[in-house]
Amino acid sequence: MSLDPPVVTLPVAPTATVVWSADVRRLGLCTLQVQNLDASQVFAGFLQRKVAGELGWSTSTMPDFSSIQPAGSLDGDGNPLDAVTADVDVEGTAELRLVGRMSGAGGDVSVSVRTSGPKR
């Protein structure tokens, strides 16, 4: 049995697409990793939260997923730019989702989420 969370490959349209969503009421922390699998498009994503299930979605100011470069992209020092990992404190959150779009006709991303909890 693997201790790693599953990695899921998902299609992302050139319009706003819900990439991942979860009820996090019983959790304290979510660590999300998103990897852009498309070699020519940029993935632009953002997190949305609800404090209570009956409220509408609010967009987080957390910029981590806002510009994930095409697969294989590296910075000047050889560090990858095609994947982002972020720790998200969900202590006061009921629901969390990642919404994104591709810069061209659409492509795929891989997503993995590790959670910890319970809330205190």
PDB file of N, CA and C in Angstrom:
ATOM      1  N   MET A   1       0.832  -1.180   0.000  1.00  0.00           N
ATOM      2  CA  MET A   1       0.000   0.000   0.000  1.00  0.00           C
ATOM      3  C   MET A   1       0.877   1.244   0.000  1.00  0.00           C
ATOM      4  N   SER A   2       0.640   2.126  -0.956  1.00  0.00           N
ATOM      5  CA  SER A   2       1.428   3.339  -1.090  1.00  0.00           C
ATOM      6  C   SER A   2       1.013   4.376  -0.051  1.00  0.00           C
ATOM      7  N   LEU A   3       1.988   5.096   0.447  1.00  0.00           N
ATOM      8  CA  LEU A   3       1.702   6.191   1.367  1.00  0.00           C
ATOM      9  C   LEU A   3       1.472   7.500   0.622  1.00  0.00           C
ATOM     10  N   ASP A   4       1.694   7.469  -0.689  1.00  0.00           N
ATOM     11  CA  ASP A   4       1.485   8.661  -1.501  1.00  0.00           C
ATOM     12  C   ASP A   4       0.013   8.821  -1.854  1.00  0.00           C
ATOM     13  N   PRO A   5      -0.463  10.074  -1.924  1.00  0.00           N
ATOM     14  CA  PRO A   5      -1.837  10.288  -2.391  1.00  0.00           C
ATOM     15  C   PRO A   5      -1.907  10.010  -3.891  1.00  0.00           C
ATOM     16  N   PRO A   6      -3.094   9.724  -4.409  1.00  0.00           N
ATOM     17  CA  PRO A   6      -3.207   9.454  -5.841  1.00  0.00           C
ATOM     18  C   PRO A   6      -2.877  10.688  -6.677  1.00  0.00           C
ATOM     19  N   VAL A   7      -2.373  10.431  -7.877  1.00  0.00           N
ATOM     20  CA  VAL A   7      -2.135  11.478  -8.868  1.00  0.00           C
ATOM     21  C   VAL A   7      -3.181  11.282  -9.959  1.00  0.00           C
ATOM     22  N   VAL A   8      -3.939  12.331 -10.241  1.00  0.00           N
ATOM     23  CA  VAL A   8      -5.026  12.247 -11.208  1.00  0.00           C
ATOM     24  C   VAL A   8      -4.741  13.207 -12.357  1.00  0.00           C
ATOM     25  N   THR A   9      -4.854  12.715 -13.586  1.00  0.00           N
ATOM     26  CA  THR A   9      -4.713  13.566 -14.761  1.00  0.00           C
ATOM     27  C   THR A   9      -6.094  14.026 -15.193  1.00  0.00           C
ATOM     28  N   LEU A  10      -6.227  15.344 -15.373  1.00  0.00           N
ATOM     29  CA  LEU A  10      -7.530  15.935 -15.667  1.00  0.00           C
ATOM     30  C   LEU A  10      -7.452  16.878 -16.857  1.00  0.00           C
ATOM     31  N   PRO A  11      -8.499  16.899 -17.687  1.00  0.00           N
ATOM     32  CA  PRO A  11      -8.541  17.862 -18.790  1.00  0.00           C
ATOM     33  C   PRO A  11      -8.946  19.241 -18.278  1.00  0.00           C
ATOM     34  N   VAL A  12      -8.350  20.266 -18.860  1.00  0.00           N
ATOM     35  CA  VAL A  12      -8.673  21.645 -18.501  1.00  0.00           C
ATOM     36  C   VAL A  12      -9.012  22.395 -19.787  1.00  0.00           C
ATOM     37  N   ALA A  13     -10.150  23.030 -19.803  1.00  0.00           N
ATOM     38  CA  ALA A  13     -10.615  23.777 -20.970  1.00  0.00           C
ATOM     39  C   ALA A  13      -9.956  25.158 -21.024  1.00  0.00           C
ATOM     40  N   PRO A  14     -10.132  25.884 -22.129  1.00  0.00           N
ATOM     41  CA  PRO A  14      -9.632  27.258 -22.207  1.00  0.00           C
ATOM     42  C   PRO A  14     -10.543  28.244 -21.472  1.00  0.00           C
ATOM     43  N   THR A  15     -11.592  27.734 -20.861  1.00  0.00           N
ATOM     44  CA  THR A  15     -12.483  28.532 -20.020  1.00  0.00           C
ATOM     45  C   THR A  15     -12.395  27.983 -18.599  1.00  0.00           C
ATOM     46  N   ALA A  16     -12.925  28.707 -17.639  1.00  0.00           N
ATOM     47  CA  ALA A  16     -12.838  28.295 -16.234  1.00  0.00           C
ATOM     48  C   ALA A  16     -13.356  26.871 -16.042  1.00  0.00           C
ATOM     49  N   THR A  17     -12.503  26.016 -15.486  1.00  0.00           N
ATOM     50  CA  THR A  17     -12.793  24.602 -15.274  1.00  0.00           C
ATOM     51  C   THR A  17     -12.518  24.258 -13.815  1.00  0.00           C
ATOM     52  N   VAL A  18     -13.460  23.607 -13.144  1.00  0.00           N
ATOM     53  CA  VAL A  18     -13.196  23.124 -11.789  1.00  0.00           C
ATOM     54  C   VAL A  18     -12.294  21.901 -11.918  1.00  0.00           C
ATOM     55  N   VAL A  19     -11.066  22.038 -11.455  1.00  0.00           N
ATOM     56  CA  VAL A  19     -10.058  20.990 -11.587  1.00  0.00           C
ATOM     57  C   VAL A  19     -10.121  20.023 -10.408  1.00  0.00           C
ATOM     58  N   TRP A  20     -10.375  20.550  -9.216  1.00  0.00           N
ATOM     59  CA  TRP A  20     -10.428  19.729  -8.005  1.00  0.00           C
ATOM     60  C   TRP A  20     -11.340  20.413  -7.007  1.00  0.00           C
ATOM     61  N   SER A  21     -12.074  19.627  -6.231  1.00  0.00           N
ATOM     62  CA  SER A  21     -12.982  20.178  -5.232  1.00  0.00           C
ATOM     63  C   SER A  21     -13.130  19.186  -4.087  1.00  0.00           C
ATOM     64  N   ALA A  22     -13.262  19.701  -2.858  1.00  0.00           N
ATOM     65  CA  ALA A  22     -13.426  18.800  -1.714  1.00  0.00           C
ATOM     66  C   ALA A  22     -14.116  19.504  -0.551  1.00  0.00           C
ATOM     67  N   ASP A  23     -14.805  18.703   0.233  1.00  0.00           N
ATOM     68  CA  ASP A  23     -15.350  19.140   1.515  1.00  0.00           C
ATOM     69  C   ASP A  23     -14.205  19.001   2.516  1.00  0.00           C
ATOM     70  N   VAL A  24     -13.772  20.100   3.108  1.00  0.00           N
ATOM     71  CA  VAL A  24     -12.605  20.083   3.995  1.00  0.00           C
ATOM     72  C   VAL A  24     -12.977  20.435   5.435  1.00  0.00           C
ATOM     73  N   ARG A  25     -14.240  20.276   5.784  1.00  0.00           N
ATOM     74  CA  ARG A  25     -14.719  20.646   7.118  1.00  0.00           C
ATOM     75  C   ARG A  25     -13.964  19.935   8.242  1.00  0.00           C
ATOM     76  N   ARG A  26     -13.505  18.730   8.014  1.00  0.00           N
ATOM     77  CA  ARG A  26     -12.836  17.953   9.064  1.00  0.00           C
ATOM     78  C   ARG A  26     -11.311  18.010   8.966  1.00  0.00           C
ATOM     79  N   LEU A  27     -10.796  18.829   8.062  1.00  0.00           N
ATOM     80  CA  LEU A  27      -9.358  18.885   7.828  1.00  0.00           C
ATOM     81  C   LEU A  27      -8.751  20.169   8.370  1.00  0.00           C
ATOM     82  N   GLY A  28      -7.445  20.143   8.568  1.00  0.00           N
ATOM     83  CA  GLY A  28      -6.719  21.323   8.999  1.00  0.00           C
ATOM     84  C   GLY A  28      -5.825  21.890   7.913  1.00  0.00           C
ATOM     85  N   LEU A  29      -5.311  21.011   7.020  1.00  0.00           N
ATOM     86  CA  LEU A  29      -4.365  21.440   5.992  1.00  0.00           C
ATOM     87  C   LEU A  29      -4.546  20.592   4.743  1.00  0.00           C
ATOM     88  N   CYS A  30      -4.450  21.235   3.593  1.00  0.00           N
ATOM     89  CA  CYS A  30      -4.412  20.538   2.303  1.00  0.00           C
ATOM     90  C   CYS A  30      -3.143  20.980   1.589  1.00  0.00           C
ATOM     91  N   THR A  31      -2.385  20.042   1.083  1.00  0.00           N
ATOM     92  CA  THR A  31      -1.236  20.351   0.250  1.00  0.00           C
ATOM     93  C   THR A  31      -1.587  19.912  -1.159  1.00  0.00           C
ATOM     94  N   LEU A  32      -1.618  20.865  -2.084  1.00  0.00           N
ATOM     95  CA  LEU A  32      -1.976  20.590  -3.470  1.00  0.00           C
ATOM     96  C   LEU A  32      -0.753  20.730  -4.356  1.00  0.00           C
ATOM     97  N   GLN A  33      -0.566  19.784  -5.277  1.00  0.00           N
ATOM     98  CA  GLN A  33       0.457  19.905  -6.306  1.00  0.00           C
ATOM     99  C   GLN A  33      -0.223  19.791  -7.653  1.00  0.00           C
ATOM    100  N   VAL A  34       0.076  20.742  -8.525  1.00  0.00           N
ATOM    101  CA  VAL A  34      -0.466  20.758  -9.882  1.00  0.00           C
ATOM    102  C   VAL A  34       0.707  20.786 -10.847  1.00  0.00           C
ATOM    103  N   GLN A  35       0.693  19.884 -11.828  1.00  0.00           N
ATOM    104  CA  GLN A  35       1.727  19.844 -12.856  1.00  0.00           C
ATOM    105  C   GLN A  35       1.071  20.000 -14.216  1.00  0.00           C
ATOM    106  N   ASN A  36       1.556  20.962 -14.984  1.00  0.00           N
ATOM    107  CA  ASN A  36       1.055  21.201 -16.331  1.00  0.00           C
ATOM    108  C   ASN A  36       1.670  20.157 -17.263  1.00  0.00           C
ATOM    109  N   LEU A  37       0.844  19.387 -17.937  1.00  0.00           N
ATOM    110  CA  LEU A  37       1.323  18.338 -18.838  1.00  0.00           C
ATOM    111  C   LEU A  37       1.378  18.790 -20.291  1.00  0.00           C
ATOM    112  N   ASP A  38       0.861  19.970 -20.578  1.00  0.00           N
ATOM    113  CA  ASP A  38       0.826  20.468 -21.952  1.00  0.00           C
ATOM    114  C   ASP A  38       2.121  21.219 -22.263  1.00  0.00           C
ATOM    115  N   ALA A  39       2.726  20.921 -23.400  1.00  0.00           N
ATOM    116  CA  ALA A  39       4.024  21.493 -23.749  1.00  0.00           C
ATOM    117  C   ALA A  39       3.952  22.896 -24.338  1.00  0.00           C
ATOM    118  N   SER A  40       2.756  23.412 -24.616  1.00  0.00           N
ATOM    119  CA  SER A  40       2.680  24.723 -25.258  1.00  0.00           C
ATOM    120  C   SER A  40       1.747  25.719 -24.575  1.00  0.00           C
ATOM    121  N   GLN A  41       1.001  25.301 -23.558  1.00  0.00           N
ATOM    122  CA  GLN A  41       0.037  26.195 -22.919  1.00  0.00           C
ATOM    123  C   GLN A  41       0.375  26.446 -21.452  1.00  0.00           C
ATOM    124  N   VAL A  42      -0.027  27.604 -20.978  1.00  0.00           N
ATOM    125  CA  VAL A  42       0.123  27.969 -19.571  1.00  0.00           C
ATOM    126  C   VAL A  42      -1.189  27.656 -18.854  1.00  0.00           C
ATOM    127  N   PHE A  43      -1.089  27.061 -17.665  1.00  0.00           N
ATOM    128  CA  PHE A  43      -2.256  26.831 -16.819  1.00  0.00           C
ATOM    129  C   PHE A  43      -2.378  28.005 -15.862  1.00  0.00           C
ATOM    130  N   ALA A  44      -3.535  28.645 -15.843  1.00  0.00           N
ATOM    131  CA  ALA A  44      -3.808  29.750 -14.922  1.00  0.00           C
ATOM    132  C   ALA A  44      -4.893  29.300 -13.960  1.00  0.00           C
ATOM    133  N   GLY A  45      -4.546  29.170 -12.678  1.00  0.00           N
ATOM    134  CA  GLY A  45      -5.499  28.652 -11.710  1.00  0.00           C
ATOM    135  C   GLY A  45      -5.620  29.523 -10.477  1.00  0.00           C
ATOM    136  N   PHE A  46      -6.686  29.275  -9.719  1.00  0.00           N
ATOM    137  CA  PHE A  46      -6.910  29.991  -8.466  1.00  0.00           C
ATOM    138  C   PHE A  46      -7.755  29.116  -7.554  1.00  0.00           C
ATOM    139  N   LEU A  47      -7.635  29.365  -6.261  1.00  0.00           N
ATOM    140  CA  LEU A  47      -8.423  28.638  -5.268  1.00  0.00           C
ATOM    141  C   LEU A  47      -9.679  29.418  -4.927  1.00  0.00           C
ATOM    142  N   GLN A  48     -10.746  28.681  -4.677  1.00  0.00           N
ATOM    143  CA  GLN A  48     -11.982  29.267  -4.175  1.00  0.00           C
ATOM    144  C   GLN A  48     -12.374  28.517  -2.913  1.00  0.00           C
ATOM    145  N   ARG A  49     -13.010  29.249  -1.966  1.00  0.00           N
ATOM    146  CA  ARG A  49     -13.389  28.673  -0.675  1.00  0.00           C
ATOM    147  C   ARG A  49     -14.819  29.047  -0.323  1.00  0.00           C
ATOM    148  N   LYS A  50     -15.377  28.234   0.561  1.00  0.00           N
ATOM    149  CA  LYS A  50     -16.630  28.561   1.235  1.00  0.00           C
ATOM    150  C   LYS A  50     -16.400  28.343   2.725  1.00  0.00           C
ATOM    151  N   VAL A  51     -16.844  29.282   3.542  1.00  0.00           N
ATOM    152  CA  VAL A  51     -16.778  29.109   4.990  1.00  0.00           C
ATOM    153  C   VAL A  51     -17.945  28.249   5.450  1.00  0.00           C
ATOM    154  N   ALA A  52     -19.080  28.397   4.782  1.00  0.00           N
ATOM    155  CA  ALA A  52     -20.273  27.595   5.062  1.00  0.00           C
ATOM    156  C   ALA A  52     -20.838  27.115   3.732  1.00  0.00           C
ATOM    157  N   GLY A  53     -21.365  25.905   3.724  1.00  0.00           N
ATOM    158  CA  GLY A  53     -21.861  25.305   2.499  1.00  0.00           C
ATOM    159  C   GLY A  53     -22.917  26.108   1.774  1.00  0.00           C
ATOM    160  N   GLU A  54     -23.727  26.871   2.507  1.00  0.00           N
ATOM    161  CA  GLU A  54     -24.797  27.628   1.860  1.00  0.00           C
ATOM    162  C   GLU A  54     -24.340  28.969   1.290  1.00  0.00           C
ATOM    163  N   LEU A  55     -23.094  29.351   1.526  1.00  0.00           N
ATOM    164  CA  LEU A  55     -22.554  30.586   0.959  1.00  0.00           C
ATOM    165  C   LEU A  55     -22.028  30.337  -0.449  1.00  0.00           C
ATOM    166  N   GLY A  56     -21.861  31.412  -1.207  1.00  0.00           N
ATOM    167  CA  GLY A  56     -21.262  31.308  -2.536  1.00  0.00           C
ATOM    168  C   GLY A  56     -19.749  31.159  -2.435  1.00  0.00           C
ATOM    169  N   TRP A  57     -19.126  30.826  -3.556  1.00  0.00           N
ATOM    170  CA  TRP A  57     -17.672  30.681  -3.605  1.00  0.00           C
ATOM    171  C   TRP A  57     -17.012  32.051  -3.540  1.00  0.00           C
ATOM    172  N   SER A  58     -15.909  32.147  -2.805  1.00  0.00           N
ATOM    173  CA  SER A  58     -15.095  33.365  -2.787  1.00  0.00           C
ATOM    174  C   SER A  58     -13.701  32.994  -3.278  1.00  0.00           C
ATOM    175  N   THR A  59     -13.104  33.879  -4.042  1.00  0.00           N
ATOM    176  CA  THR A  59     -11.802  33.604  -4.643  1.00  0.00           C
ATOM    177  C   THR A  59     -10.687  34.008  -3.691  1.00  0.00           C
ATOM    178  N   SER A  60      -9.753  33.102  -3.478  1.00  0.00           N
ATOM    179  CA  SER A  60      -8.610  33.344  -2.609  1.00  0.00           C
ATOM    180  C   SER A  60      -7.627  34.292  -3.286  1.00  0.00           C
ATOM    181  N   THR A  61      -6.880  35.026  -2.492  1.00  0.00           N
ATOM    182  CA  THR A  61      -5.832  35.891  -3.028  1.00  0.00           C
ATOM    183  C   THR A  61      -4.509  35.146  -3.198  1.00  0.00           C
ATOM    184  N   MET A  62      -4.473  33.877  -2.843  1.00  0.00           N
ATOM    185  CA  MET A  62      -3.259  33.067  -2.934  1.00  0.00           C
ATOM    186  C   MET A  62      -2.851  32.896  -4.408  1.00  0.00           C
ATOM    187  N   PRO A  63      -1.672  33.406  -4.812  1.00  0.00           N
ATOM    188  CA  PRO A  63      -1.308  33.429  -6.229  1.00  0.00           C
ATOM    189  C   PRO A  63      -0.558  32.198  -6.753  1.00  0.00           C
ATOM    190  N   ASP A  64      -0.324  31.198  -5.932  1.00  0.00           N
ATOM    191  CA  ASP A  64       0.575  30.099  -6.288  1.00  0.00           C
ATOM    192  C   ASP A  64       0.270  29.416  -7.622  1.00  0.00           C
ATOM    193  N   PHE A  65      -1.003  29.238  -7.952  1.00  0.00           N
ATOM    194  CA  PHE A  65      -1.376  28.486  -9.152  1.00  0.00           C
ATOM    195  C   PHE A  65      -1.690  29.390 -10.343  1.00  0.00           C
ATOM    196  N   SER A  66      -1.388  30.686 -10.236  1.00  0.00           N
ATOM    197  CA  SER A  66      -1.836  31.658 -11.235  1.00  0.00           C
ATOM    198  C   SER A  66      -1.145  31.543 -12.586  1.00  0.00           C
ATOM    199  N   SER A  67       0.036  30.946 -12.659  1.00  0.00           N
ATOM    200  CA  SER A  67       0.746  30.864 -13.940  1.00  0.00           C
ATOM    201  C   SER A  67       1.723  29.688 -13.931  1.00  0.00           C
ATOM    202  N   ILE A  68       1.207  28.501 -14.208  1.00  0.00           N
ATOM    203  CA  ILE A  68       2.058  27.309 -14.267  1.00  0.00           C
ATOM    204  C   ILE A  68       2.459  27.106 -15.723  1.00  0.00           C
ATOM    205  N   GLN A  69       3.747  27.184 -15.963  1.00  0.00           N
ATOM    206  CA  GLN A  69       4.289  27.195 -17.319  1.00  0.00           C
ATOM    207  C   GLN A  69       4.154  25.829 -18.016  1.00  0.00           C
ATOM    208  N   PRO A  70       4.324  25.811 -19.349  1.00  0.00           N
ATOM    209  CA  PRO A  70       4.196  24.558 -20.106  1.00  0.00           C
ATOM    210  C   PRO A  70       5.167  23.474 -19.625  1.00  0.00           C
ATOM    211  N   ALA A  71       4.790  22.232 -19.874  1.00  0.00           N
ATOM    212  CA  ALA A  71       5.601  21.071 -19.481  1.00  0.00           C
ATOM    213  C   ALA A  71       7.032  21.227 -19.986  1.00  0.00           C
ATOM    214  N   GLY A  72       7.974  20.942 -19.110  1.00  0.00           N
ATOM    215  CA  GLY A  72       9.387  21.014 -19.465  1.00  0.00           C
ATOM    216  C   GLY A  72      10.018  22.379 -19.286  1.00  0.00           C
ATOM    217  N   SER A  73       9.256  23.392 -18.895  1.00  0.00           N
ATOM    218  CA  SER A  73       9.796  24.746 -18.723  1.00  0.00           C
ATOM    219  C   SER A  73      10.708  24.809 -17.501  1.00  0.00           C
ATOM    220  N   LEU A  74      11.831  25.508 -17.664  1.00  0.00           N
ATOM    221  CA  LEU A  74      12.805  25.677 -16.587  1.00  0.00           C
ATOM    222  C   LEU A  74      13.162  27.143 -16.449  1.00  0.00           C
ATOM    223  N   ASP A  75      13.546  27.554 -15.236  1.00  0.00           N
ATOM    224  CA  ASP A  75      14.047  28.912 -15.070  1.00  0.00           C
ATOM    225  C   ASP A  75      15.528  28.937 -15.437  1.00  0.00           C
ATOM    226  N   GLY A  76      16.176  30.076 -15.278  1.00  0.00           N
ATOM    227  CA  GLY A  76      17.575  30.233 -15.660  1.00  0.00           C
ATOM    228  C   GLY A  76      18.541  29.345 -14.902  1.00  0.00           C
ATOM    229  N   ASP A  77      18.135  28.848 -13.739  1.00  0.00           N
ATOM    230  CA  ASP A  77      18.976  27.964 -12.938  1.00  0.00           C
ATOM    231  C   ASP A  77      18.627  26.492 -13.129  1.00  0.00           C
ATOM    232  N   GLY A  78      17.704  26.207 -14.032  1.00  0.00           N
ATOM    233  CA  GLY A  78      17.323  24.818 -14.295  1.00  0.00           C
ATOM    234  C   GLY A  78      16.229  24.274 -13.397  1.00  0.00           C
ATOM    235  N   ASN A  79      15.571  25.147 -12.637  1.00  0.00           N
ATOM    236  CA  ASN A  79      14.474  24.715 -11.768  1.00  0.00           C
ATOM    237  C   ASN A  79      13.172  24.627 -12.563  1.00  0.00           C
ATOM    238  N   PRO A  80      12.367  23.601 -12.307  1.00  0.00           N
ATOM    239  CA  PRO A  80      11.134  23.435 -13.079  1.00  0.00           C
ATOM    240  C   PRO A  80      10.099  24.523 -12.781  1.00  0.00           C
ATOM    241  N   LEU A  81       9.435  24.969 -13.845  1.00  0.00           N
ATOM    242  CA  LEU A  81       8.368  25.965 -13.736  1.00  0.00           C
ATOM    243  C   LEU A  81       7.009  25.382 -14.104  1.00  0.00           C
ATOM    244  N   ASP A  82       6.985  24.078 -14.392  1.00  0.00           N
ATOM    245  CA  ASP A  82       5.750  23.444 -14.875  1.00  0.00           C
ATOM    246  C   ASP A  82       4.938  22.772 -13.774  1.00  0.00           C
ATOM    247  N   ALA A  83       5.338  22.947 -12.512  1.00  0.00           N
ATOM    248  CA  ALA A  83       4.601  22.363 -11.389  1.00  0.00           C
ATOM    249  C   ALA A  83       4.679  23.301 -10.188  1.00  0.00           C
ATOM    250  N   VAL A  84       3.590  23.329  -9.428  1.00  0.00           N
ATOM    251  CA  VAL A  84       3.520  24.160  -8.224  1.00  0.00           C
ATOM    252  C   VAL A  84       2.920  23.329  -7.098  1.00  0.00           C
ATOM    253  N   THR A  85       3.499  23.473  -5.899  1.00  0.00           N
ATOM    254  CA  THR A  85       2.954  22.850  -4.695  1.00  0.00           C
ATOM    255  C   THR A  85       2.676  23.952  -3.682  1.00  0.00           C
ATOM    256  N   ALA A  86       1.512  23.885  -3.049  1.00  0.00           N
ATOM    257  CA  ALA A  86       1.154  24.890  -2.047  1.00  0.00           C
ATOM    258  C   ALA A  86       0.459  24.232  -0.867  1.00  0.00           C
ATOM    259  N   ASP A  87       0.810  24.686   0.334  1.00  0.00           N
ATOM    260  CA  ASP A  87       0.128  24.263   1.558  1.00  0.00           C
ATOM    261  C   ASP A  87      -0.998  25.251   1.826  1.00  0.00           C
ATOM    262  N   VAL A  88      -2.203  24.733   1.997  1.00  0.00           N
ATOM    263  CA  VAL A  88      -3.375  25.585   2.182  1.00  0.00           C
ATOM    264  C   VAL A  88      -3.998  25.286   3.541  1.00  0.00           C
ATOM    265  N   ASP A  89      -3.992  26.290   4.413  1.00  0.00           N
ATOM    266  CA  ASP A  89      -4.635  26.164   5.721  1.00  0.00           C
ATOM    267  C   ASP A  89      -6.141  26.212   5.500  1.00  0.00           C
ATOM    268  N   VAL A  90      -6.830  25.132   5.850  1.00  0.00           N
ATOM    269  CA  VAL A  90      -8.283  25.061   5.650  1.00  0.00           C
ATOM    270  C   VAL A  90      -9.018  24.994   6.989  1.00  0.00           C
ATOM    271  N   GLU A  91      -8.364  25.460   8.033  1.00  0.00           N
ATOM    272  CA  GLU A  91      -8.937  25.403   9.384  1.00  0.00           C
ATOM    273  C   GLU A  91     -10.321  26.047   9.463  1.00  0.00           C
ATOM    274  N   GLY A  92     -10.530  27.170   8.790  1.00  0.00           N
ATOM    275  CA  GLY A  92     -11.819  27.853   8.844  1.00  0.00           C
ATOM    276  C   GLY A  92     -12.646  27.692   7.585  1.00  0.00           C
ATOM    277  N   THR A  93     -12.350  26.676   6.792  1.00  0.00           N
ATOM    278  CA  THR A  93     -12.981  26.497   5.483  1.00  0.00           C
ATOM    279  C   THR A  93     -13.876  25.271   5.472  1.00  0.00           C
ATOM    280  N   ALA A  94     -15.035  25.379   4.818  1.00  0.00           N
ATOM    281  CA  ALA A  94     -15.935  24.232   4.669  1.00  0.00           C
ATOM    282  C   ALA A  94     -15.660  23.484   3.367  1.00  0.00           C
ATOM    283  N   GLU A  95     -15.517  24.234   2.272  1.00  0.00           N
ATOM    284  CA  GLU A  95     -15.266  23.630   0.966  1.00  0.00           C
ATOM    285  C   GLU A  95     -14.144  24.388   0.274  1.00  0.00           C
ATOM    286  N   LEU A  96     -13.342  23.657  -0.496  1.00  0.00           N
ATOM    287  CA  LEU A  96     -12.205  24.231  -1.213  1.00  0.00           C
ATOM    288  C   LEU A  96     -12.196  23.658  -2.611  1.00  0.00           C
ATOM    289  N   ARG A  97     -11.882  24.503  -3.595  1.00  0.00           N
ATOM    290  CA  ARG A  97     -11.741  23.988  -4.956  1.00  0.00           C
ATOM    291  C   ARG A  97     -10.677  24.769  -5.705  1.00  0.00           C
ATOM    292  N   LEU A  98     -10.103  24.093  -6.698  1.00  0.00           N
ATOM    293  CA  LEU A  98      -9.133  24.690  -7.607  1.00  0.00           C
ATOM    294  C   LEU A  98      -9.815  24.853  -8.955  1.00  0.00           C
ATOM    295  N   VAL A  99      -9.809  26.076  -9.454  1.00  0.00           N
ATOM    296  CA  VAL A  99     -10.402  26.391 -10.749  1.00  0.00           C
ATOM    297  C   VAL A  99      -9.277  26.889 -11.645  1.00  0.00           C
ATOM    298  N   GLY A 100      -9.287  26.503 -12.913  1.00  0.00           N
ATOM    299  CA  GLY A 100      -8.241  26.964 -13.812  1.00  0.00           C
ATOM    300  C   GLY A 100      -8.663  26.908 -15.259  1.00  0.00           C
ATOM    301  N   ARG A 101      -7.794  27.440 -16.096  1.00  0.00           N
ATOM    302  CA  ARG A 101      -8.012  27.394 -17.538  1.00  0.00           C
ATOM    303  C   ARG A 101      -6.658  27.301 -18.225  1.00  0.00           C
ATOM    304  N   MET A 102      -6.675  26.783 -19.444  1.00  0.00           N
ATOM    305  CA  MET A 102      -5.459  26.717 -20.248  1.00  0.00           C
ATOM    306  C   MET A 102      -5.435  27.919 -21.187  1.00  0.00           C
ATOM    307  N   SER A 103      -4.238  28.331 -21.583  1.00  0.00           N
ATOM    308  CA  SER A 103      -4.087  29.534 -22.399  1.00  0.00           C
ATOM    309  C   SER A 103      -4.433  29.313 -23.866  1.00  0.00           C
ATOM    310  N   GLY A 104      -4.522  28.062 -24.304  1.00  0.00           N
ATOM    311  CA  GLY A 104      -4.833  27.778 -25.706  1.00  0.00           C
ATOM    312  C   GLY A 104      -6.137  27.030 -25.836  1.00  0.00           C
ATOM    313  N   ALA A 105      -6.119  25.941 -26.585  1.00  0.00           N
ATOM    314  CA  ALA A 105      -7.335  25.173 -26.886  1.00  0.00           C
ATOM    315  C   ALA A 105      -7.763  24.244 -25.754  1.00  0.00           C
ATOM    316  N   GLY A 106      -6.924  24.067 -24.754  1.00  0.00           N
ATOM    317  CA  GLY A 106      -7.213  23.140 -23.657  1.00  0.00           C
ATOM    318  C   GLY A 106      -6.122  22.092 -23.566  1.00  0.00           C
ATOM    319  N   GLY A 107      -5.898  21.567 -22.379  1.00  0.00           N
ATOM    320  CA  GLY A 107      -4.854  20.572 -22.170  1.00  0.00           C
ATOM    321  C   GLY A 107      -5.068  19.859 -20.859  1.00  0.00           C
ATOM    322  N   ASP A 108      -4.056  19.113 -20.433  1.00  0.00           N
ATOM    323  CA  ASP A 108      -4.167  18.300 -19.224  1.00  0.00           C
ATOM    324  C   ASP A 108      -3.215  18.784 -18.136  1.00  0.00           C
ATOM    325  N   VAL A 109      -3.647  18.587 -16.896  1.00  0.00           N
ATOM    326  CA  VAL A 109      -2.794  18.784 -15.734  1.00  0.00           C
ATOM    327  C   VAL A 109      -2.891  17.540 -14.862  1.00  0.00           C
ATOM    328  N   SER A 110      -1.863  17.301 -14.071  1.00  0.00           N
ATOM    329  CA  SER A 110      -1.914  16.264 -13.044  1.00  0.00           C
ATOM    330  C   SER A 110      -2.070  16.957 -11.702  1.00  0.00           C
ATOM    331  N   VAL A 111      -2.918  16.381 -10.855  1.00  0.00           N
ATOM    332  CA  VAL A 111      -3.192  16.963  -9.545  1.00  0.00           C
ATOM    333  C   VAL A 111      -3.046  15.882  -8.480  1.00  0.00           C
ATOM    334  N   SER A 112      -2.405  16.245  -7.380  1.00  0.00           N
ATOM    335  CA  SER A 112      -2.328  15.361  -6.223  1.00  0.00           C
ATOM    336  C   SER A 112      -2.562  16.213  -4.979  1.00  0.00           C
ATOM    337  N   VAL A 113      -3.324  15.663  -4.038  1.00  0.00           N
ATOM    338  CA  VAL A 113      -3.671  16.401  -2.824  1.00  0.00           C
ATOM    339  C   VAL A 113      -3.400  15.526  -1.609  1.00  0.00           C
ATOM    340  N   ARG A 114      -2.626  16.066  -0.682  1.00  0.00           N
ATOM    341  CA  ARG A 114      -2.380  15.396   0.602  1.00  0.00           C
ATOM    342  C   ARG A 114      -3.091  16.219   1.672  1.00  0.00           C
ATOM    343  N   THR A 115      -3.825  15.554   2.531  1.00  0.00           N
ATOM    344  CA  THR A 115      -4.573  16.263   3.568  1.00  0.00           C
ATOM    345  C   THR A 115      -4.111  15.834   4.950  1.00  0.00           C
ATOM    346  N   SER A 116      -4.317  16.730   5.911  1.00  0.00           N
ATOM    347  CA  SER A 116      -4.054  16.380   7.301  1.00  0.00           C
ATOM    348  C   SER A 116      -5.125  17.027   8.162  1.00  0.00           C
ATOM    349  N   GLY A 117      -5.302  16.509   9.282  1.00  0.00           N
ATOM    350  CA  GLY A 117      -6.352  16.973  10.175  1.00  0.00           C
ATOM    351  C   GLY A 117      -6.344  16.043  11.367  1.00  0.00           C
ATOM    352  N   PRO A 118      -7.329  16.022  12.136  1.00  0.00           N
ATOM    353  CA  PRO A 118      -8.554  16.804  11.995  1.00  0.00           C
ATOM    354  C   PRO A 118      -8.382  18.210  12.520  1.00  0.00           C
ATOM    355  N   LYS A 119      -9.406  19.012  12.296  1.00  0.00           N
ATOM    356  CA  LYS A 119      -9.384  20.357  12.850  1.00  0.00           C
ATOM    357  C   LYS A 119      -9.369  20.275  14.362  1.00  0.00           C
ATOM    358  N   ARG A 120      -8.772  21.270  14.980  1.00  0.00           N
ATOM    359  CA  ARG A 120      -8.691  21.313  16.441  1.00  0.00           C
ATOM    360  C   ARG A 120      -9.987  21.714  17.057  1.00  0.00           C
TER     361      ARG A 120
END
